[in-house]
Amino acid sequence: MADTPLVEHNSRPDERFTLASERTFLAWVRTSLGLLAGGIAMVHLVPEFSTGWARTLLGTVMILLAVIAPITGLRRWFQVRRALESGADMPDERELWVLTIGVTTVAIFAGVVTVAGALH
């Protein structure tokens, strides 16, 4: 009796997993839109927040993260789809760490700038 593969090449992945992966990709897009709106607001709508260079830096980093998020989400969606179809391992979390560190850095910098502005 021969060993049977975990996933046959002609089989389709379960639709629930495929749709869950698609919803995750859409969450990446929503995150990107939030970062984009926050970055534009930081630069153009919050003139009294700290100094001009701090607003510009925070807004620019948020906008750059907004560019990275949907690209990362799409890349991960393709990787997950490929893994579901072939039975391969799921993608690692490296991109998740990059986005997490980026957003955390923005939040810490915004907090420091806010406290420094309040003390002056």
PDB file of N, CA and C in Angstrom:
ATOM      1  N   MET A   1       0.841  -1.172   0.000  1.00  0.00           N
ATOM      2  CA  MET A   1       0.000   0.000   0.000  1.00  0.00           C
ATOM      3  C   MET A   1       0.893   1.244   0.000  1.00  0.00           C
ATOM      4  N   ALA A   2       0.687   2.141  -0.949  1.00  0.00           N
ATOM      5  CA  ALA A   2       1.515   3.340  -1.091  1.00  0.00           C
ATOM      6  C   ALA A   2       1.038   4.432  -0.142  1.00  0.00           C
ATOM      7  N   ASP A   3       1.975   5.279   0.221  1.00  0.00           N
ATOM      8  CA  ASP A   3       1.624   6.434   1.050  1.00  0.00           C
ATOM      9  C   ASP A   3       0.789   7.406   0.234  1.00  0.00           C
ATOM     10  N   THR A   4      -0.234   7.972   0.844  1.00  0.00           N
ATOM     11  CA  THR A   4      -1.036   8.974   0.151  1.00  0.00           C
ATOM     12  C   THR A   4      -0.597  10.356   0.583  1.00  0.00           C
ATOM     13  N   PRO A   5      -0.525  11.300  -0.348  1.00  0.00           N
ATOM     14  CA  PRO A   5      -0.105  12.653   0.014  1.00  0.00           C
ATOM     15  C   PRO A   5      -1.171  13.336   0.872  1.00  0.00           C
ATOM     16  N   LEU A   6      -0.721  14.261   1.706  1.00  0.00           N
ATOM     17  CA  LEU A   6      -1.650  15.002   2.554  1.00  0.00           C
ATOM     18  C   LEU A   6      -2.624  15.819   1.725  1.00  0.00           C
ATOM     19  N   VAL A   7      -2.141  16.398   0.634  1.00  0.00           N
ATOM     20  CA  VAL A   7      -2.986  17.189  -0.252  1.00  0.00           C
ATOM     21  C   VAL A   7      -2.705  16.726  -1.676  1.00  0.00           C
ATOM     22  N   GLU A   8      -3.725  16.277  -2.348  1.00  0.00           N
ATOM     23  CA  GLU A   8      -3.552  15.885  -3.738  1.00  0.00           C
ATOM     24  C   GLU A   8      -3.429  17.132  -4.597  1.00  0.00           C
ATOM     25  N   HIS A   9      -2.674  17.041  -5.660  1.00  0.00           N
ATOM     26  CA  HIS A   9      -2.438  18.210  -6.506  1.00  0.00           C
ATOM     27  C   HIS A   9      -3.710  18.689  -7.200  1.00  0.00           C
ATOM     28  N   ASN A  10      -4.666  17.818  -7.413  1.00  0.00           N
ATOM     29  CA  ASN A  10      -5.900  18.203  -8.087  1.00  0.00           C
ATOM     30  C   ASN A  10      -6.994  18.649  -7.125  1.00  0.00           C
ATOM     31  N   SER A  11      -6.734  18.548  -5.828  1.00  0.00           N
ATOM     32  CA  SER A  11      -7.773  18.908  -4.863  1.00  0.00           C
ATOM     33  C   SER A  11      -7.786  20.411  -4.617  1.00  0.00           C
ATOM     34  N   ARG A  12      -8.954  20.889  -4.255  1.00  0.00           N
ATOM     35  CA  ARG A  12      -9.113  22.305  -3.927  1.00  0.00           C
ATOM     36  C   ARG A  12      -9.021  22.464  -2.426  1.00  0.00           C
ATOM     37  N   PRO A  13      -8.446  23.565  -1.962  1.00  0.00           N
ATOM     38  CA  PRO A  13      -8.458  23.807  -0.525  1.00  0.00           C
ATOM     39  C   PRO A  13      -9.878  24.117  -0.061  1.00  0.00           C
ATOM     40  N   ASP A  14     -10.120  23.887   1.186  1.00  0.00           N
ATOM     41  CA  ASP A  14     -11.429  24.169   1.778  1.00  0.00           C
ATOM     42  C   ASP A  14     -11.753  25.649   1.590  1.00  0.00           C
ATOM     43  N   GLU A  15     -12.944  25.937   1.089  1.00  0.00           N
ATOM     44  CA  GLU A  15     -13.351  27.322   0.809  1.00  0.00           C
ATOM     45  C   GLU A  15     -13.311  28.200   2.050  1.00  0.00           C
ATOM     46  N   ARG A  16     -13.580  27.609   3.209  1.00  0.00           N
ATOM     47  CA  ARG A  16     -13.560  28.407   4.440  1.00  0.00           C
ATOM     48  C   ARG A  16     -12.175  29.004   4.687  1.00  0.00           C
ATOM     49  N   PHE A  17     -11.141  28.222   4.437  1.00  0.00           N
ATOM     50  CA  PHE A  17      -9.786  28.725   4.636  1.00  0.00           C
ATOM     51  C   PHE A  17      -9.415  29.759   3.575  1.00  0.00           C
ATOM     52  N   THR A  18      -9.860  29.502   2.354  1.00  0.00           N
ATOM     53  CA  THR A  18      -9.600  30.450   1.269  1.00  0.00           C
ATOM     54  C   THR A  18     -10.277  31.785   1.548  1.00  0.00           C
ATOM     55  N   LEU A  19     -11.531  31.740   1.978  1.00  0.00           N
ATOM     56  CA  LEU A  19     -12.255  32.982   2.284  1.00  0.00           C
ATOM     57  C   LEU A  19     -11.692  33.674   3.521  1.00  0.00           C
ATOM     58  N   ALA A  20     -11.242  32.907   4.502  1.00  0.00           N
ATOM     59  CA  ALA A  20     -10.616  33.511   5.682  1.00  0.00           C
ATOM     60  C   ALA A  20      -9.337  34.235   5.289  1.00  0.00           C
ATOM     61  N   SER A  21      -8.574  33.639   4.388  1.00  0.00           N
ATOM     62  CA  SER A  21      -7.360  34.286   3.901  1.00  0.00           C
ATOM     63  C   SER A  21      -7.687  35.571   3.154  1.00  0.00           C
ATOM     64  N   GLU A  22      -8.775  35.542   2.386  1.00  0.00           N
ATOM     65  CA  GLU A  22      -9.193  36.744   1.664  1.00  0.00           C
ATOM     66  C   GLU A  22      -9.626  37.845   2.642  1.00  0.00           C
ATOM     67  N   ARG A  23     -10.346  37.480   3.694  1.00  0.00           N
ATOM     68  CA  ARG A  23     -10.745  38.479   4.698  1.00  0.00           C
ATOM     69  C   ARG A  23      -9.523  39.065   5.397  1.00  0.00           C
ATOM     70  N   THR A  24      -8.521  38.245   5.619  1.00  0.00           N
ATOM     71  CA  THR A  24      -7.286  38.748   6.222  1.00  0.00           C
ATOM     72  C   THR A  24      -6.615  39.759   5.294  1.00  0.00           C
ATOM     73  N   PHE A  25      -6.588  39.463   4.009  1.00  0.00           N
ATOM     74  CA  PHE A  25      -6.027  40.424   3.052  1.00  0.00           C
ATOM     75  C   PHE A  25      -6.804  41.740   3.102  1.00  0.00           C
ATOM     76  N   LEU A  26      -8.124  41.668   3.151  1.00  0.00           N
ATOM     77  CA  LEU A  26      -8.931  42.892   3.227  1.00  0.00           C
ATOM     78  C   LEU A  26      -8.639  43.664   4.516  1.00  0.00           C
ATOM     79  N   ALA A  27      -8.313  42.972   5.591  1.00  0.00           N
ATOM     80  CA  ALA A  27      -7.921  43.650   6.833  1.00  0.00           C
ATOM     81  C   ALA A  27      -6.609  44.409   6.635  1.00  0.00           C
ATOM     82  N   TRP A  28      -5.692  43.848   5.862  1.00  0.00           N
ATOM     83  CA  TRP A  28      -4.448  44.558   5.538  1.00  0.00           C
ATOM     84  C   TRP A  28      -4.768  45.844   4.779  1.00  0.00           C
ATOM     85  N   VAL A  29      -5.719  45.772   3.854  1.00  0.00           N
ATOM     86  CA  VAL A  29      -6.100  46.956   3.074  1.00  0.00           C
ATOM     87  C   VAL A  29      -6.736  48.000   3.995  1.00  0.00           C
ATOM     88  N   ARG A  30      -7.618  47.564   4.900  1.00  0.00           N
ATOM     89  CA  ARG A  30      -8.231  48.513   5.849  1.00  0.00           C
ATOM     90  C   ARG A  30      -7.177  49.151   6.750  1.00  0.00           C
ATOM     91  N   THR A  31      -6.211  48.381   7.175  1.00  0.00           N
ATOM     92  CA  THR A  31      -5.119  48.918   7.987  1.00  0.00           C
ATOM     93  C   THR A  31      -4.357  49.974   7.194  1.00  0.00           C
ATOM     94  N   SER A  32      -4.110  49.688   5.934  1.00  0.00           N
ATOM     95  CA  SER A  32      -3.419  50.639   5.077  1.00  0.00           C
ATOM     96  C   SER A  32      -4.199  51.939   4.949  1.00  0.00           C
ATOM     97  N   LEU A  33      -5.506  51.843   4.748  1.00  0.00           N
ATOM     98  CA  LEU A  33      -6.327  53.048   4.631  1.00  0.00           C
ATOM     99  C   LEU A  33      -6.308  53.865   5.923  1.00  0.00           C
ATOM    100  N   GLY A  34      -6.324  53.193   7.055  1.00  0.00           N
ATOM    101  CA  GLY A  34      -6.240  53.897   8.337  1.00  0.00           C
ATOM    102  C   GLY A  34      -4.907  54.605   8.514  1.00  0.00           C
ATOM    103  N   LEU A  35      -3.818  53.920   8.152  1.00  0.00           N
ATOM    104  CA  LEU A  35      -2.500  54.541   8.235  1.00  0.00           C
ATOM    105  C   LEU A  35      -2.390  55.727   7.281  1.00  0.00           C
ATOM    106  N   LEU A  36      -2.937  55.582   6.085  1.00  0.00           N
ATOM    107  CA  LEU A  36      -2.899  56.668   5.113  1.00  0.00           C
ATOM    108  C   LEU A  36      -3.678  57.875   5.623  1.00  0.00           C
ATOM    109  N   ALA A  37      -4.875  57.642   6.130  1.00  0.00           N
ATOM    110  CA  ALA A  37      -5.685  58.744   6.668  1.00  0.00           C
ATOM    111  C   ALA A  37      -4.979  59.404   7.852  1.00  0.00           C
ATOM    112  N   GLY A  38      -4.401  58.597   8.722  1.00  0.00           N
ATOM    113  CA  GLY A  38      -3.675  59.155   9.867  1.00  0.00           C
ATOM    114  C   GLY A  38      -2.453  59.949   9.451  1.00  0.00           C
ATOM    115  N   GLY A  39      -1.726  59.459   8.461  1.00  0.00           N
ATOM    116  CA  GLY A  39      -0.540  60.170   7.986  1.00  0.00           C
ATOM    117  C   GLY A  39      -0.884  61.500   7.346  1.00  0.00           C
ATOM    118  N   ILE A  40      -1.929  61.503   6.517  1.00  0.00           N
ATOM    119  CA  ILE A  40      -2.350  62.759   5.884  1.00  0.00           C
ATOM    120  C   ILE A  40      -2.863  63.731   6.942  1.00  0.00           C
ATOM    121  N   ALA A  41      -3.643  63.224   7.894  1.00  0.00           N
ATOM    122  CA  ALA A  41      -4.164  64.087   8.963  1.00  0.00           C
ATOM    123  C   ALA A  41      -3.017  64.666   9.794  1.00  0.00           C
ATOM    124  N   MET A  42      -2.018  63.856  10.077  1.00  0.00           N
ATOM    125  CA  MET A  42      -0.886  64.325  10.881  1.00  0.00           C
ATOM    126  C   MET A  42      -0.178  65.486  10.190  1.00  0.00           C
ATOM    127  N   VAL A  43       0.006  65.394   8.914  1.00  0.00           N
ATOM    128  CA  VAL A  43       0.735  66.426   8.182  1.00  0.00           C
ATOM    129  C   VAL A  43      -0.118  67.670   7.939  1.00  0.00           C
ATOM    130  N   HIS A  44      -1.391  67.484   7.617  1.00  0.00           N
ATOM    131  CA  HIS A  44      -2.200  68.611   7.153  1.00  0.00           C
ATOM    132  C   HIS A  44      -3.247  69.134   8.137  1.00  0.00           C
ATOM    133  N   LEU A  45      -3.703  68.304   9.059  1.00  0.00           N
ATOM    134  CA  LEU A  45      -4.827  68.712   9.895  1.00  0.00           C
ATOM    135  C   LEU A  45      -4.481  68.946  11.363  1.00  0.00           C
ATOM    136  N   VAL A  46      -3.257  68.729  11.743  1.00  0.00           N
ATOM    137  CA  VAL A  46      -2.875  68.869  13.145  1.00  0.00           C
ATOM    138  C   VAL A  46      -1.707  69.851  13.270  1.00  0.00           C
ATOM    139  N   PRO A  47      -1.908  71.110  12.886  1.00  0.00           N
ATOM    140  CA  PRO A  47      -0.781  72.054  12.873  1.00  0.00           C
ATOM    141  C   PRO A  47      -0.240  72.377  14.262  1.00  0.00           C
ATOM    142  N   GLU A  48      -1.046  72.233  15.284  1.00  0.00           N
ATOM    143  CA  GLU A  48      -0.560  72.573  16.619  1.00  0.00           C
ATOM    144  C   GLU A  48       0.170  71.416  17.299  1.00  0.00           C
ATOM    145  N   PHE A  49       0.268  70.263  16.634  1.00  0.00           N
ATOM    146  CA  PHE A  49       0.957  69.119  17.221  1.00  0.00           C
ATOM    147  C   PHE A  49       2.460  69.276  17.063  1.00  0.00           C
ATOM    148  N   SER A  50       3.134  69.541  18.144  1.00  0.00           N
ATOM    149  CA  SER A  50       4.593  69.593  18.205  1.00  0.00           C
ATOM    150  C   SER A  50       5.177  70.530  17.152  1.00  0.00           C
ATOM    151  N   THR A  51       6.285  70.131  16.579  1.00  0.00           N
ATOM    152  CA  THR A  51       6.977  70.961  15.588  1.00  0.00           C
ATOM    153  C   THR A  51       6.684  70.447  14.180  1.00  0.00           C
ATOM    154  N   GLY A  52       6.969  71.281  13.207  1.00  0.00           N
ATOM    155  CA  GLY A  52       6.725  70.900  11.816  1.00  0.00           C
ATOM    156  C   GLY A  52       7.478  69.658  11.398  1.00  0.00           C
ATOM    157  N   TRP A  53       8.733  69.543  11.828  1.00  0.00           N
ATOM    158  CA  TRP A  53       9.515  68.377  11.418  1.00  0.00           C
ATOM    159  C   TRP A  53       8.967  67.098  12.047  1.00  0.00           C
ATOM    160  N   ALA A  54       8.464  67.176  13.283  1.00  0.00           N
ATOM    161  CA  ALA A  54       7.908  65.984  13.939  1.00  0.00           C
ATOM    162  C   ALA A  54       6.625  65.544  13.235  1.00  0.00           C
ATOM    163  N   ARG A  55       5.753  66.501  12.907  1.00  0.00           N
ATOM    164  CA  ARG A  55       4.521  66.179  12.175  1.00  0.00           C
ATOM    165  C   ARG A  55       4.848  65.553  10.828  1.00  0.00           C
ATOM    166  N   THR A  56       5.788  66.166  10.121  1.00  0.00           N
ATOM    167  CA  THR A  56       6.156  65.661   8.797  1.00  0.00           C
ATOM    168  C   THR A  56       6.755  64.254   8.894  1.00  0.00           C
ATOM    169  N   LEU A  57       7.625  64.045   9.871  1.00  0.00           N
ATOM    170  CA  LEU A  57       8.242  62.729  10.039  1.00  0.00           C
ATOM    171  C   LEU A  57       7.189  61.678  10.382  1.00  0.00           C
ATOM    172  N   LEU A  58       6.335  61.970  11.358  1.00  0.00           N
ATOM    173  CA  LEU A  58       5.297  61.010  11.736  1.00  0.00           C
ATOM    174  C   LEU A  58       4.357  60.723  10.568  1.00  0.00           C
ATOM    175  N   GLY A  59       3.902  61.774   9.904  1.00  0.00           N
ATOM    176  CA  GLY A  59       2.994  61.588   8.774  1.00  0.00           C
ATOM    177  C   GLY A  59       3.622  60.801   7.656  1.00  0.00           C
ATOM    178  N   THR A  60       4.866  61.089   7.350  1.00  0.00           N
ATOM    179  CA  THR A  60       5.561  60.389   6.267  1.00  0.00           C
ATOM    180  C   THR A  60       5.751  58.914   6.589  1.00  0.00           C
ATOM    181  N   VAL A  61       6.144  58.619   7.817  1.00  0.00           N
ATOM    182  CA  VAL A  61       6.323  57.214   8.204  1.00  0.00           C
ATOM    183  C   VAL A  61       4.985  56.479   8.146  1.00  0.00           C
ATOM    184  N   MET A  62       3.910  57.122   8.598  1.00  0.00           N
ATOM    185  CA  MET A  62       2.594  56.488   8.530  1.00  0.00           C
ATOM    186  C   MET A  62       2.175  56.234   7.084  1.00  0.00           C
ATOM    187  N   ILE A  63       2.457  57.174   6.211  1.00  0.00           N
ATOM    188  CA  ILE A  63       2.114  56.994   4.799  1.00  0.00           C
ATOM    189  C   ILE A  63       2.968  55.881   4.182  1.00  0.00           C
ATOM    190  N   LEU A  64       4.234  55.803   4.545  1.00  0.00           N
ATOM    191  CA  LEU A  64       5.082  54.709   4.047  1.00  0.00           C
ATOM    192  C   LEU A  64       4.575  53.360   4.545  1.00  0.00           C
ATOM    193  N   LEU A  65       4.150  53.291   5.797  1.00  0.00           N
ATOM    194  CA  LEU A  65       3.562  52.053   6.313  1.00  0.00           C
ATOM    195  C   LEU A  65       2.270  51.720   5.570  1.00  0.00           C
ATOM    196  N   ALA A  66       1.523  52.752   5.171  1.00  0.00           N
ATOM    197  CA  ALA A  66       0.295  52.544   4.400  1.00  0.00           C
ATOM    198  C   ALA A  66       0.601  51.955   3.031  1.00  0.00           C
ATOM    199  N   VAL A  67       1.750  52.261   2.484  1.00  0.00           N
ATOM    200  CA  VAL A  67       2.162  51.683   1.200  1.00  0.00           C
ATOM    201  C   VAL A  67       2.601  50.232   1.400  1.00  0.00           C
ATOM    202  N   ILE A  68       3.306  49.976   2.483  1.00  0.00           N
ATOM    203  CA  ILE A  68       3.847  48.637   2.742  1.00  0.00           C
ATOM    204  C   ILE A  68       2.746  47.637   3.084  1.00  0.00           C
ATOM    205  N   ALA A  69       1.735  48.058   3.835  1.00  0.00           N
ATOM    206  CA  ALA A  69       0.720  47.130   4.347  1.00  0.00           C
ATOM    207  C   ALA A  69      -0.026  46.354   3.255  1.00  0.00           C
ATOM    208  N   PRO A  70      -0.606  46.999   2.244  1.00  0.00           N
ATOM    209  CA  PRO A  70      -1.349  46.188   1.270  1.00  0.00           C
ATOM    210  C   PRO A  70      -0.438  45.324   0.397  1.00  0.00           C
ATOM    211  N   ILE A  71       0.773  45.785   0.144  1.00  0.00           N
ATOM    212  CA  ILE A  71       1.722  44.973  -0.627  1.00  0.00           C
ATOM    213  C   ILE A  71       2.067  43.719   0.162  1.00  0.00           C
ATOM    214  N   THR A  72       2.311  43.907   1.457  1.00  0.00           N
ATOM    215  CA  THR A  72       2.598  42.771   2.327  1.00  0.00           C
ATOM    216  C   THR A  72       1.394  41.839   2.409  1.00  0.00           C
ATOM    217  N   GLY A  73       0.203  42.415   2.552  1.00  0.00           N
ATOM    218  CA  GLY A  73      -1.003  41.606   2.622  1.00  0.00           C
ATOM    219  C   GLY A  73      -1.227  40.785   1.369  1.00  0.00           C
ATOM    220  N   LEU A  74      -1.006  41.384   0.220  1.00  0.00           N
ATOM    221  CA  LEU A  74      -1.179  40.659  -1.038  1.00  0.00           C
ATOM    222  C   LEU A  74      -0.143  39.544  -1.165  1.00  0.00           C
ATOM    223  N   ARG A  75       1.080  39.852  -0.801  1.00  0.00           N
ATOM    224  CA  ARG A  75       2.144  38.842  -0.863  1.00  0.00           C
ATOM    225  C   ARG A  75       1.813  37.661   0.039  1.00  0.00           C
ATOM    226  N   ARG A  76       1.366  37.973   1.271  1.00  0.00           N
ATOM    227  CA  ARG A  76       1.008  36.905   2.209  1.00  0.00           C
ATOM    228  C   ARG A  76      -0.207  36.127   1.705  1.00  0.00           C
ATOM    229  N   TRP A  77      -1.157  36.805   1.080  1.00  0.00           N
ATOM    230  CA  TRP A  77      -2.331  36.109   0.563  1.00  0.00           C
ATOM    231  C   TRP A  77      -1.909  35.078  -0.482  1.00  0.00           C
ATOM    232  N   PHE A  78      -0.995  35.472  -1.384  1.00  0.00           N
ATOM    233  CA  PHE A  78      -0.495  34.527  -2.391  1.00  0.00           C
ATOM    234  C   PHE A  78       0.242  33.365  -1.719  1.00  0.00           C
ATOM    235  N   GLN A  79       1.057  33.656  -0.707  1.00  0.00           N
ATOM    236  CA  GLN A  79       1.800  32.606  -0.016  1.00  0.00           C
ATOM    237  C   GLN A  79       0.855  31.631   0.686  1.00  0.00           C
ATOM    238  N   VAL A  80      -0.177  32.161   1.336  1.00  0.00           N
ATOM    239  CA  VAL A  80      -1.137  31.303   2.032  1.00  0.00           C
ATOM    240  C   VAL A  80      -1.914  30.461   1.023  1.00  0.00           C
ATOM    241  N   ARG A  81      -2.339  31.081  -0.069  1.00  0.00           N
ATOM    242  CA  ARG A  81      -3.068  30.331  -1.095  1.00  0.00           C
ATOM    243  C   ARG A  81      -2.216  29.185  -1.631  1.00  0.00           C
ATOM    244  N   ARG A  82      -0.946  29.501  -1.916  1.00  0.00           N
ATOM    245  CA  ARG A  82      -0.033  28.464  -2.412  1.00  0.00           C
ATOM    246  C   ARG A  82       0.132  27.343  -1.381  1.00  0.00           C
ATOM    247  N   ALA A  83       0.254  27.731  -0.100  1.00  0.00           N
ATOM    248  CA  ALA A  83       0.411  26.727   0.952  1.00  0.00           C
ATOM    249  C   ALA A  83      -0.848  25.870   1.091  1.00  0.00           C
ATOM    250  N   LEU A  84      -2.017  26.490   1.006  1.00  0.00           N
ATOM    251  CA  LEU A  84      -3.260  25.726   1.099  1.00  0.00           C
ATOM    252  C   LEU A  84      -3.416  24.759  -0.065  1.00  0.00           C
ATOM    253  N   GLU A  85      -3.034  25.199  -1.243  1.00  0.00           N
ATOM    254  CA  GLU A  85      -3.190  24.352  -2.426  1.00  0.00           C
ATOM    255  C   GLU A  85      -2.182  23.217  -2.469  1.00  0.00           C
ATOM    256  N   SER A  86      -0.979  23.461  -1.961  1.00  0.00           N
ATOM    257  CA  SER A  86       0.066  22.445  -2.078  1.00  0.00           C
ATOM    258  C   SER A  86       0.315  21.664  -0.791  1.00  0.00           C
ATOM    259  N   GLY A  87      -0.239  22.136   0.314  1.00  0.00           N
ATOM    260  CA  GLY A  87       0.017  21.473   1.589  1.00  0.00           C
ATOM    261  C   GLY A  87       1.340  21.881   2.207  1.00  0.00           C
ATOM    262  N   ALA A  88       1.946  22.934   1.679  1.00  0.00           N
ATOM    263  CA  ALA A  88       3.231  23.416   2.208  1.00  0.00           C
ATOM    264  C   ALA A  88       3.025  24.158   3.530  1.00  0.00           C
ATOM    265  N   ASP A  89       4.130  24.532   4.146  1.00  0.00           N
ATOM    266  CA  ASP A  89       4.070  25.305   5.384  1.00  0.00           C
ATOM    267  C   ASP A  89       3.505  26.688   5.115  1.00  0.00           C
ATOM    268  N   MET A  90       2.854  27.245   6.126  1.00  0.00           N
ATOM    269  CA  MET A  90       2.352  28.616   6.041  1.00  0.00           C
ATOM    270  C   MET A  90       3.543  29.579   6.072  1.00  0.00           C
ATOM    271  N   PRO A  91       3.367  30.796   5.536  1.00  0.00           N
ATOM    272  CA  PRO A  91       4.486  31.752   5.525  1.00  0.00           C
ATOM    273  C   PRO A  91       4.882  32.157   6.941  1.00  0.00           C
ATOM    274  N   ASP A  92       6.149  32.538   7.079  1.00  0.00           N
ATOM    275  CA  ASP A  92       6.606  32.990   8.394  1.00  0.00           C
ATOM    276  C   ASP A  92       6.067  34.385   8.687  1.00  0.00           C
ATOM    277  N   GLU A  93       6.322  34.844   9.878  1.00  0.00           N
ATOM    278  CA  GLU A  93       5.714  36.098  10.340  1.00  0.00           C
ATOM    279  C   GLU A  93       6.636  37.301  10.214  1.00  0.00           C
ATOM    280  N   ARG A  94       7.676  37.219   9.439  1.00  0.00           N
ATOM    281  CA  ARG A  94       8.658  38.302   9.325  1.00  0.00           C
ATOM    282  C   ARG A  94       8.010  39.641   8.966  1.00  0.00           C
ATOM    283  N   GLU A  95       7.133  39.645   7.957  1.00  0.00           N
ATOM    284  CA  GLU A  95       6.473  40.897   7.548  1.00  0.00           C
ATOM    285  C   GLU A  95       5.587  41.452   8.646  1.00  0.00           C
ATOM    286  N   LEU A  96       4.982  40.560   9.412  1.00  0.00           N
ATOM    287  CA  LEU A  96       4.138  41.009  10.524  1.00  0.00           C
ATOM    288  C   LEU A  96       4.969  41.757  11.554  1.00  0.00           C
ATOM    289  N   TRP A  97       6.164  41.267  11.810  1.00  0.00           N
ATOM    290  CA  TRP A  97       7.066  41.940  12.755  1.00  0.00           C
ATOM    291  C   TRP A  97       7.476  43.310  12.245  1.00  0.00           C
ATOM    292  N   VAL A  98       7.761  43.416  10.952  1.00  0.00           N
ATOM    293  CA  VAL A  98       8.175  44.706  10.382  1.00  0.00           C
ATOM    294  C   VAL A  98       7.077  45.747  10.560  1.00  0.00           C
ATOM    295  N   LEU A  99       5.844  45.375  10.206  1.00  0.00           N
ATOM    296  CA  LEU A  99       4.737  46.322  10.349  1.00  0.00           C
ATOM    297  C   LEU A  99       4.476  46.643  11.825  1.00  0.00           C
ATOM    298  N   THR A 100       4.545  45.648  12.682  1.00  0.00           N
ATOM    299  CA  THR A 100       4.338  45.869  14.115  1.00  0.00           C
ATOM    300  C   THR A 100       5.382  46.808  14.691  1.00  0.00           C
ATOM    301  N   ILE A 101       6.627  46.607  14.337  1.00  0.00           N
ATOM    302  CA  ILE A 101       7.699  47.477  14.837  1.00  0.00           C
ATOM    303  C   ILE A 101       7.534  48.889  14.280  1.00  0.00           C
ATOM    304  N   GLY A 102       7.141  49.006  13.020  1.00  0.00           N
ATOM    305  CA  GLY A 102       6.922  50.325  12.428  1.00  0.00           C
ATOM    306  C   GLY A 102       5.819  51.096  13.128  1.00  0.00           C
ATOM    307  N   VAL A 103       4.669  50.460  13.327  1.00  0.00           N
ATOM    308  CA  VAL A 103       3.549  51.135  13.989  1.00  0.00           C
ATOM    309  C   VAL A 103       3.898  51.438  15.447  1.00  0.00           C
ATOM    310  N   THR A 104       4.565  50.529  16.126  1.00  0.00           N
ATOM    311  CA  THR A 104       4.967  50.764  17.517  1.00  0.00           C
ATOM    312  C   THR A 104       5.943  51.925  17.609  1.00  0.00           C
ATOM    313  N   THR A 105       6.870  52.018  16.687  1.00  0.00           N
ATOM    314  CA  THR A 105       7.824  53.123  16.671  1.00  0.00           C
ATOM    315  C   THR A 105       7.114  54.455  16.478  1.00  0.00           C
ATOM    316  N   VAL A 106       6.155  54.493  15.555  1.00  0.00           N
ATOM    317  CA  VAL A 106       5.373  55.718  15.338  1.00  0.00           C
ATOM    318  C   VAL A 106       4.636  56.097  16.622  1.00  0.00           C
ATOM    319  N   ALA A 107       4.018  55.123  17.265  1.00  0.00           N
ATOM    320  CA  ALA A 107       3.255  55.404  18.484  1.00  0.00           C
ATOM    321  C   ALA A 107       4.154  55.908  19.609  1.00  0.00           C
ATOM    322  N   ILE A 108       5.304  55.297  19.789  1.00  0.00           N
ATOM    323  CA  ILE A 108       6.230  55.740  20.842  1.00  0.00           C
ATOM    324  C   ILE A 108       6.729  57.144  20.546  1.00  0.00           C
ATOM    325  N   PHE A 109       7.110  57.404  19.287  1.00  0.00           N
ATOM    326  CA  PHE A 109       7.602  58.734  18.927  1.00  0.00           C
ATOM    327  C   PHE A 109       6.516  59.787  19.128  1.00  0.00           C
ATOM    328  N   ALA A 110       5.274  59.464  18.725  1.00  0.00           N
ATOM    329  CA  ALA A 110       4.160  60.399  18.916  1.00  0.00           C
ATOM    330  C   ALA A 110       3.931  60.659  20.403  1.00  0.00           C
ATOM    331  N   GLY A 111       4.050  59.634  21.213  1.00  0.00           N
ATOM    332  CA  GLY A 111       3.893  59.805  22.656  1.00  0.00           C
ATOM    333  C   GLY A 111       4.976  60.681  23.255  1.00  0.00           C
ATOM    334  N   VAL A 112       6.210  60.464  22.847  1.00  0.00           N
ATOM    335  CA  VAL A 112       7.330  61.277  23.356  1.00  0.00           C
ATOM    336  C   VAL A 112       7.160  62.731  22.937  1.00  0.00           C
ATOM    337  N   VAL A 113       6.797  62.943  21.683  1.00  0.00           N
ATOM    338  CA  VAL A 113       6.612  64.308  21.186  1.00  0.00           C
ATOM    339  C   VAL A 113       5.450  64.982  21.920  1.00  0.00           C
ATOM    340  N   THR A 114       4.398  64.253  22.202  1.00  0.00           N
ATOM    341  CA  THR A 114       3.251  64.795  22.912  1.00  0.00           C
ATOM    342  C   THR A 114       3.621  65.211  24.333  1.00  0.00           C
ATOM    343  N   VAL A 115       4.336  64.341  25.028  1.00  0.00           N
ATOM    344  CA  VAL A 115       4.751  64.646  26.405  1.00  0.00           C
ATOM    345  C   VAL A 115       5.742  65.812  26.412  1.00  0.00           C
ATOM    346  N   ALA A 116       6.694  65.793  25.489  1.00  0.00           N
ATOM    347  CA  ALA A 116       7.670  66.896  25.425  1.00  0.00           C
ATOM    348  C   ALA A 116       6.972  68.217  25.143  1.00  0.00           C
ATOM    349  N   GLY A 117       5.974  68.205  24.259  1.00  0.00           N
ATOM    350  CA  GLY A 117       5.232  69.429  23.966  1.00  0.00           C
ATOM    351  C   GLY A 117       4.436  69.914  25.163  1.00  0.00           C
ATOM    352  N   ALA A 118       3.898  68.995  25.946  1.00  0.00           N
ATOM    353  CA  ALA A 118       3.114  69.367  27.123  1.00  0.00           C
ATOM    354  C   ALA A 118       4.005  69.958  28.224  1.00  0.00           C
ATOM    355  N   LEU A 119       5.266  69.543  28.267  1.00  0.00           N
ATOM    356  CA  LEU A 119       6.171  70.024  29.305  1.00  0.00           C
ATOM    357  C   LEU A 119       6.712  71.414  28.996  1.00  0.00           C
ATOM    358  N   HIS A 120       6.620  71.842  27.759  1.00  0.00           N
ATOM    359  CA  HIS A 120       7.143  73.164  27.393  1.00  0.00           C
ATOM    360  C   HIS A 120       6.103  74.209  27.456  1.00  0.00           C
TER     361      HIS A 120
END
